[in-house]
Amino acid sequence: MSSKPHHEADNENMDKTKVGNKDALIFKPRNLNIVWGNDNRYWRFPSGNNADEPAELVQVSWLEVTGSCILKDSQNYQISFKLSFKRDASGWSGAPVFLMAKVGKKGKYKWKKLKDLDKLPQEPTEFPSADDSFIVDGVTRQPDMRLYFGLYEVWSGKWKGGLRVHHATVKEL
């Protein structure tokens, strides 16, 4: 176990890809900040260099999985997380899970409650879905063009487990 309880993102090996002619960033589990992520009582990370395996939530009462990247001027971006549940997932009923984002440290958060996360399948699924997408509208040049985004459930105080975080995507539109 690390001396720090939280996993800090390693953005050195970020996956960049193209969707059509637009850029997209893929945040694998090691590219995300995860509260309690360095404590194997709460999270399990892919072993070795197998970055394609998901991070698995063992149990937490405070879910906070975040990332950040620099935006291009005046672009719109779609943010999503690829998630799944283990067969023994528990504690998600009535636990409000939100996707939140802002541009710049002093920016105003935009948020979306993720629907039906408690019915998440065991197969990896994009949340929110394409027909219910989460869009950060293009911003014009400002001093801080960093996008801060995350997946949160910090309000219920319920212990939750069994969530798999496969990756997050920030895609230009």
C-alpha atoms as a PDB file:
ATOM      1  CA  MET A   1       0.000   0.000   0.000  1.00  0.00           C
ATOM      2  CA  SER A   2       1.307   3.473  -0.893  1.00  0.00           C
ATOM      3  CA  SER A   3       1.943   6.160   1.711  1.00  0.00           C
ATOM      4  CA  LYS A   4      -0.671   8.321  -0.037  1.00  0.00           C
ATOM      5  CA  PRO A   5      -4.259   7.005   0.152  1.00  0.00           C
ATOM      6  CA  HIS A   6      -5.396   8.544  -3.147  1.00  0.00           C
ATOM      7  CA  HIS A   7      -4.303   7.508  -6.623  1.00  0.00           C
ATOM      8  CA  GLU A   8      -2.886  10.451  -8.574  1.00  0.00           C
ATOM      9  CA  ALA A   9      -3.271  10.429 -12.351  1.00  0.00           C
ATOM     10  CA  ASP A  10      -0.346   9.437 -14.547  1.00  0.00           C
ATOM     11  CA  ASN A  11      -0.941  11.462 -17.708  1.00  0.00           C
ATOM     12  CA  GLU A  12       2.391  10.585 -19.321  1.00  0.00           C
ATOM     13  CA  ASN A  13       0.904   7.649 -21.254  1.00  0.00           C
ATOM     14  CA  MET A  14      -2.474   9.089 -22.224  1.00  0.00           C
ATOM     15  CA  ASP A  15      -4.225   7.421 -25.165  1.00  0.00           C
ATOM     16  CA  LYS A  16      -5.044   9.896 -27.935  1.00  0.00           C
ATOM     17  CA  THR A  17      -7.215   8.723 -30.795  1.00  0.00           C
ATOM     18  CA  LYS A  18      -9.382   9.993 -33.641  1.00  0.00           C
ATOM     19  CA  VAL A  19     -13.140   9.577 -33.889  1.00  0.00           C
ATOM     20  CA  GLY A  20     -13.840  10.503 -37.486  1.00  0.00           C
ATOM     21  CA  ASN A  21     -11.709  13.609 -37.940  1.00  0.00           C
ATOM     22  CA  LYS A  22     -12.105  14.706 -34.309  1.00  0.00           C
ATOM     23  CA  ASP A  23      -9.649  14.172 -31.442  1.00  0.00           C
ATOM     24  CA  ALA A  24     -10.481  12.107 -28.376  1.00  0.00           C
ATOM     25  CA  LEU A  25      -8.574  11.414 -25.172  1.00  0.00           C
ATOM     26  CA  ILE A  26      -8.991   8.059 -23.451  1.00  0.00           C
ATOM     27  CA  PHE A  27      -8.330   8.122 -19.699  1.00  0.00           C
ATOM     28  CA  LYS A  28      -7.468   4.572 -18.572  1.00  0.00           C
ATOM     29  CA  PRO A  29      -7.723   3.936 -14.801  1.00  0.00           C
ATOM     30  CA  ARG A  30      -4.077   4.928 -14.242  1.00  0.00           C
ATOM     31  CA  ASN A  31      -4.774   8.280 -15.998  1.00  0.00           C
ATOM     32  CA  LEU A  32      -7.487   9.172 -13.474  1.00  0.00           C
ATOM     33  CA  ASN A  33      -7.372  10.561  -9.939  1.00  0.00           C
ATOM     34  CA  ILE A  34      -9.210   8.134  -7.656  1.00  0.00           C
ATOM     35  CA  VAL A  35      -9.984   8.943  -4.027  1.00  0.00           C
ATOM     36  CA  TRP A  36      -8.805   5.991  -1.869  1.00  0.00           C
ATOM     37  CA  GLY A  37      -7.358   4.472  -5.061  1.00  0.00           C
ATOM     38  CA  ASN A  38      -3.983   3.593  -3.487  1.00  0.00           C
ATOM     39  CA  ASP A  39      -5.582   1.507  -0.739  1.00  0.00           C
ATOM     40  CA  ASN A  40      -6.363  -2.053  -1.835  1.00  0.00           C
ATOM     41  CA  ARG A  41      -9.069  -2.305   0.824  1.00  0.00           C
ATOM     42  CA  TYR A  42     -11.069   0.105  -1.376  1.00  0.00           C
ATOM     43  CA  TRP A  43      -9.817  -0.238  -4.990  1.00  0.00           C
ATOM     44  CA  ARG A  44      -7.972  -2.792  -7.113  1.00  0.00           C
ATOM     45  CA  PHE A  45      -5.941  -1.599 -10.101  1.00  0.00           C
ATOM     46  CA  PRO A  46      -4.789  -3.597 -13.119  1.00  0.00           C
ATOM     47  CA  SER A  47      -1.561  -5.382 -12.289  1.00  0.00           C
ATOM     48  CA  GLY A  48       1.658  -4.666 -14.143  1.00  0.00           C
ATOM     49  CA  ASN A  49       1.351  -2.940 -17.497  1.00  0.00           C
ATOM     50  CA  ASN A  50      -2.115  -4.260 -18.368  1.00  0.00           C
ATOM     51  CA  ALA A  51      -3.762  -0.863 -18.772  1.00  0.00           C
ATOM     52  CA  ASP A  52      -6.767  -2.341 -20.598  1.00  0.00           C
ATOM     53  CA  GLU A  53      -8.145  -3.928 -17.427  1.00  0.00           C
ATOM     54  CA  PRO A  54     -10.573  -1.849 -15.368  1.00  0.00           C
ATOM     55  CA  ALA A  55     -10.037  -0.466 -11.890  1.00  0.00           C
ATOM     56  CA  GLU A  56     -12.374  -2.327  -9.531  1.00  0.00           C
ATOM     57  CA  LEU A  57     -14.106  -0.685  -6.623  1.00  0.00           C
ATOM     58  CA  VAL A  58     -14.025  -2.989  -3.594  1.00  0.00           C
ATOM     59  CA  GLN A  59     -15.935  -0.654  -1.269  1.00  0.00           C
ATOM     60  CA  VAL A  60     -16.177   3.075  -0.577  1.00  0.00           C
ATOM     61  CA  SER A  61     -18.704   5.477   0.805  1.00  0.00           C
ATOM     62  CA  TRP A  62     -17.105   8.374  -1.116  1.00  0.00           C
ATOM     63  CA  LEU A  63     -16.843   7.798  -4.884  1.00  0.00           C
ATOM     64  CA  GLU A  64     -14.671  10.380  -6.632  1.00  0.00           C
ATOM     65  CA  VAL A  65     -12.968   9.527  -9.939  1.00  0.00           C
ATOM     66  CA  THR A  66     -11.617  12.585 -11.772  1.00  0.00           C
ATOM     67  CA  GLY A  67      -9.464  13.680 -14.683  1.00  0.00           C
ATOM     68  CA  SER A  68      -8.305  16.808 -16.449  1.00  0.00           C
ATOM     69  CA  CYS A  69      -6.950  17.933 -19.814  1.00  0.00           C
ATOM     70  CA  ILE A  70      -6.345  21.104 -21.815  1.00  0.00           C
ATOM     71  CA  LEU A  71      -9.124  22.107 -24.212  1.00  0.00           C
ATOM     72  CA  LYS A  72      -8.870  23.676 -27.641  1.00  0.00           C
ATOM     73  CA  ASP A  73     -10.460  27.082 -28.100  1.00  0.00           C
ATOM     74  CA  SER A  74     -14.170  27.128 -29.036  1.00  0.00           C
ATOM     75  CA  GLN A  75     -14.654  23.343 -29.279  1.00  0.00           C
ATOM     76  CA  ASN A  76     -17.533  21.360 -27.780  1.00  0.00           C
ATOM     77  CA  TYR A  77     -16.607  18.185 -25.915  1.00  0.00           C
ATOM     78  CA  GLN A  78     -18.522  15.049 -24.952  1.00  0.00           C
ATOM     79  CA  ILE A  79     -17.519  13.342 -21.700  1.00  0.00           C
ATOM     80  CA  SER A  80     -18.367   9.759 -20.808  1.00  0.00           C
ATOM     81  CA  PHE A  81     -17.198   6.891 -18.613  1.00  0.00           C
ATOM     82  CA  LYS A  82     -17.157   3.242 -19.646  1.00  0.00           C
ATOM     83  CA  LEU A  83     -18.421   1.349 -16.595  1.00  0.00           C
ATOM     84  CA  SER A  84     -19.656  -2.083 -15.603  1.00  0.00           C
ATOM     85  CA  PHE A  85     -20.677  -3.910 -12.446  1.00  0.00           C
ATOM     86  CA  LYS A  86     -19.252  -7.082 -11.009  1.00  0.00           C
ATOM     87  CA  ARG A  87     -21.832  -9.765 -10.298  1.00  0.00           C
ATOM     88  CA  ASP A  88     -21.689  -9.009  -6.563  1.00  0.00           C
ATOM     89  CA  ALA A  89     -22.075  -5.196  -6.878  1.00  0.00           C
ATOM     90  CA  SER A  90     -23.996  -3.641  -4.001  1.00  0.00           C
ATOM     91  CA  GLY A  91     -25.042  -0.352  -2.412  1.00  0.00           C
ATOM     92  CA  TRP A  92     -25.993   1.476  -5.620  1.00  0.00           C
ATOM     93  CA  SER A  93     -29.762   1.583  -5.205  1.00  0.00           C
ATOM     94  CA  GLY A  94     -30.709   5.138  -4.245  1.00  0.00           C
ATOM     95  CA  ALA A  95     -27.099   6.346  -4.511  1.00  0.00           C
ATOM     96  CA  PRO A  96     -27.113   9.427  -6.797  1.00  0.00           C
ATOM     97  CA  VAL A  97     -24.130   9.292  -9.172  1.00  0.00           C
ATOM     98  CA  PHE A  98     -23.229  12.513 -10.977  1.00  0.00           C
ATOM     99  CA  LEU A  99     -20.951  13.412 -13.856  1.00  0.00           C
ATOM    100  CA  MET A 100     -19.586  16.916 -13.338  1.00  0.00           C
ATOM    101  CA  ALA A 101     -17.271  19.170 -15.341  1.00  0.00           C
ATOM    102  CA  LYS A 102     -15.950  22.699 -15.434  1.00  0.00           C
ATOM    103  CA  VAL A 103     -13.433  24.671 -17.475  1.00  0.00           C
ATOM    104  CA  GLY A 104     -10.774  26.384 -15.388  1.00  0.00           C
ATOM    105  CA  LYS A 105     -10.213  26.176 -11.632  1.00  0.00           C
ATOM    106  CA  LYS A 106     -12.629  29.082 -11.152  1.00  0.00           C
ATOM    107  CA  GLY A 107     -15.161  27.759 -13.684  1.00  0.00           C
ATOM    108  CA  LYS A 108     -18.760  26.927 -12.870  1.00  0.00           C
ATOM    109  CA  TYR A 109     -19.619  23.214 -12.668  1.00  0.00           C
ATOM    110  CA  LYS A 110     -22.031  21.667 -15.123  1.00  0.00           C
ATOM    111  CA  TRP A 111     -23.523  18.400 -13.886  1.00  0.00           C
ATOM    112  CA  LYS A 112     -25.720  15.492 -14.897  1.00  0.00           C
ATOM    113  CA  LYS A 113     -27.244  12.792 -12.742  1.00  0.00           C
ATOM    114  CA  LEU A 114     -26.518   9.443 -14.363  1.00  0.00           C
ATOM    115  CA  LYS A 115     -29.747   7.555 -14.942  1.00  0.00           C
ATOM    116  CA  ASP A 116     -30.112   3.898 -14.054  1.00  0.00           C
ATOM    117  CA  LEU A 117     -26.562   3.391 -12.837  1.00  0.00           C
ATOM    118  CA  ASP A 118     -27.982   0.948 -10.285  1.00  0.00           C
ATOM    119  CA  LYS A 119     -29.061  -1.184 -13.291  1.00  0.00           C
ATOM    120  CA  LEU A 120     -25.602  -1.120 -14.868  1.00  0.00           C
ATOM    121  CA  PRO A 121     -24.871  -4.412 -16.679  1.00  0.00           C
ATOM    122  CA  GLN A 122     -21.826  -6.621 -16.252  1.00  0.00           C
ATOM    123  CA  GLU A 123     -20.833  -5.737 -19.829  1.00  0.00           C
ATOM    124  CA  PRO A 124     -18.870  -2.453 -20.203  1.00  0.00           C
ATOM    125  CA  THR A 125     -21.315   0.366 -21.055  1.00  0.00           C
ATOM    126  CA  GLU A 126     -20.803   4.062 -21.871  1.00  0.00           C
ATOM    127  CA  PHE A 127     -22.406   6.415 -19.336  1.00  0.00           C
ATOM    128  CA  PRO A 128     -24.112   8.599 -20.108  1.00  0.00           C
ATOM    129  CA  SER A 129     -25.347   6.964 -23.311  1.00  0.00           C
ATOM    130  CA  ALA A 130     -24.897   8.665 -26.701  1.00  0.00           C
ATOM    131  CA  ASP A 131     -28.587   9.642 -26.821  1.00  0.00           C
ATOM    132  CA  ASP A 132     -28.342  11.247 -23.355  1.00  0.00           C
ATOM    133  CA  SER A 133     -24.828  12.674 -23.729  1.00  0.00           C
ATOM    134  CA  PHE A 134     -22.969  15.090 -21.462  1.00  0.00           C
ATOM    135  CA  ILE A 135     -21.619  18.021 -23.489  1.00  0.00           C
ATOM    136  CA  VAL A 136     -19.302  20.780 -22.331  1.00  0.00           C
ATOM    137  CA  ASP A 137     -19.958  23.740 -24.608  1.00  0.00           C
ATOM    138  CA  GLY A 138     -17.035  25.382 -26.332  1.00  0.00           C
ATOM    139  CA  VAL A 139     -15.369  28.140 -24.423  1.00  0.00           C
ATOM    140  CA  THR A 140     -13.538  31.021 -25.939  1.00  0.00           C
ATOM    141  CA  ARG A 141      -9.955  31.680 -25.012  1.00  0.00           C
ATOM    142  CA  GLN A 142      -9.552  32.235 -21.291  1.00  0.00           C
ATOM    143  CA  PRO A 143      -6.492  32.089 -19.027  1.00  0.00           C
ATOM    144  CA  ASP A 144      -7.260  28.557 -17.791  1.00  0.00           C
ATOM    145  CA  MET A 145      -8.419  26.221 -20.581  1.00  0.00           C
ATOM    146  CA  ARG A 146      -8.109  23.076 -18.443  1.00  0.00           C
ATOM    147  CA  LEU A 147     -11.186  20.834 -18.301  1.00  0.00           C
ATOM    148  CA  TYR A 148     -11.820  19.263 -14.899  1.00  0.00           C
ATOM    149  CA  PHE A 149     -14.312  16.393 -14.910  1.00  0.00           C
ATOM    150  CA  GLY A 150     -15.349  13.533 -12.702  1.00  0.00           C
ATOM    151  CA  LEU A 151     -17.716  10.848 -11.551  1.00  0.00           C
ATOM    152  CA  TYR A 152     -19.073  11.431  -8.039  1.00  0.00           C
ATOM    153  CA  GLU A 153     -21.283   9.834  -5.393  1.00  0.00           C
ATOM    154  CA  VAL A 154     -20.453  11.571  -2.151  1.00  0.00           C
ATOM    155  CA  TRP A 155     -23.886  12.432  -0.797  1.00  0.00           C
ATOM    156  CA  SER A 156     -25.611   9.222   0.319  1.00  0.00           C
ATOM    157  CA  GLY A 157     -22.981   8.030   2.808  1.00  0.00           C
ATOM    158  CA  LYS A 158     -23.813   4.468   1.698  1.00  0.00           C
ATOM    159  CA  TRP A 159     -21.083   1.889   1.224  1.00  0.00           C
ATOM    160  CA  LYS A 160     -20.899   0.820  -2.410  1.00  0.00           C
ATOM    161  CA  GLY A 161     -18.892  -1.827  -4.197  1.00  0.00           C
ATOM    162  CA  GLY A 162     -18.502  -3.806  -7.388  1.00  0.00           C
ATOM    163  CA  LEU A 163     -18.101  -0.928  -9.863  1.00  0.00           C
ATOM    164  CA  ARG A 164     -15.555  -1.348 -12.657  1.00  0.00           C
ATOM    165  CA  VAL A 165     -14.106   1.783 -14.251  1.00  0.00           C
ATOM    166  CA  HIS A 166     -12.778   0.832 -17.698  1.00  0.00           C
ATOM    167  CA  HIS A 167     -11.957   4.350 -18.907  1.00  0.00           C
ATOM    168  CA  ALA A 168     -13.221   7.894 -19.393  1.00  0.00           C
ATOM    169  CA  THR A 169     -13.401   9.632 -22.765  1.00  0.00           C
ATOM    170  CA  VAL A 170     -13.204  13.329 -23.616  1.00  0.00           C
ATOM    171  CA  LYS A 171     -14.150  13.662 -27.289  1.00  0.00           C
ATOM    172  CA  GLU A 172     -14.246  16.714 -29.554  1.00  0.00           C
ATOM    173  CA  LEU A 173     -17.564  17.282 -31.294  1.00  0.00           C
END
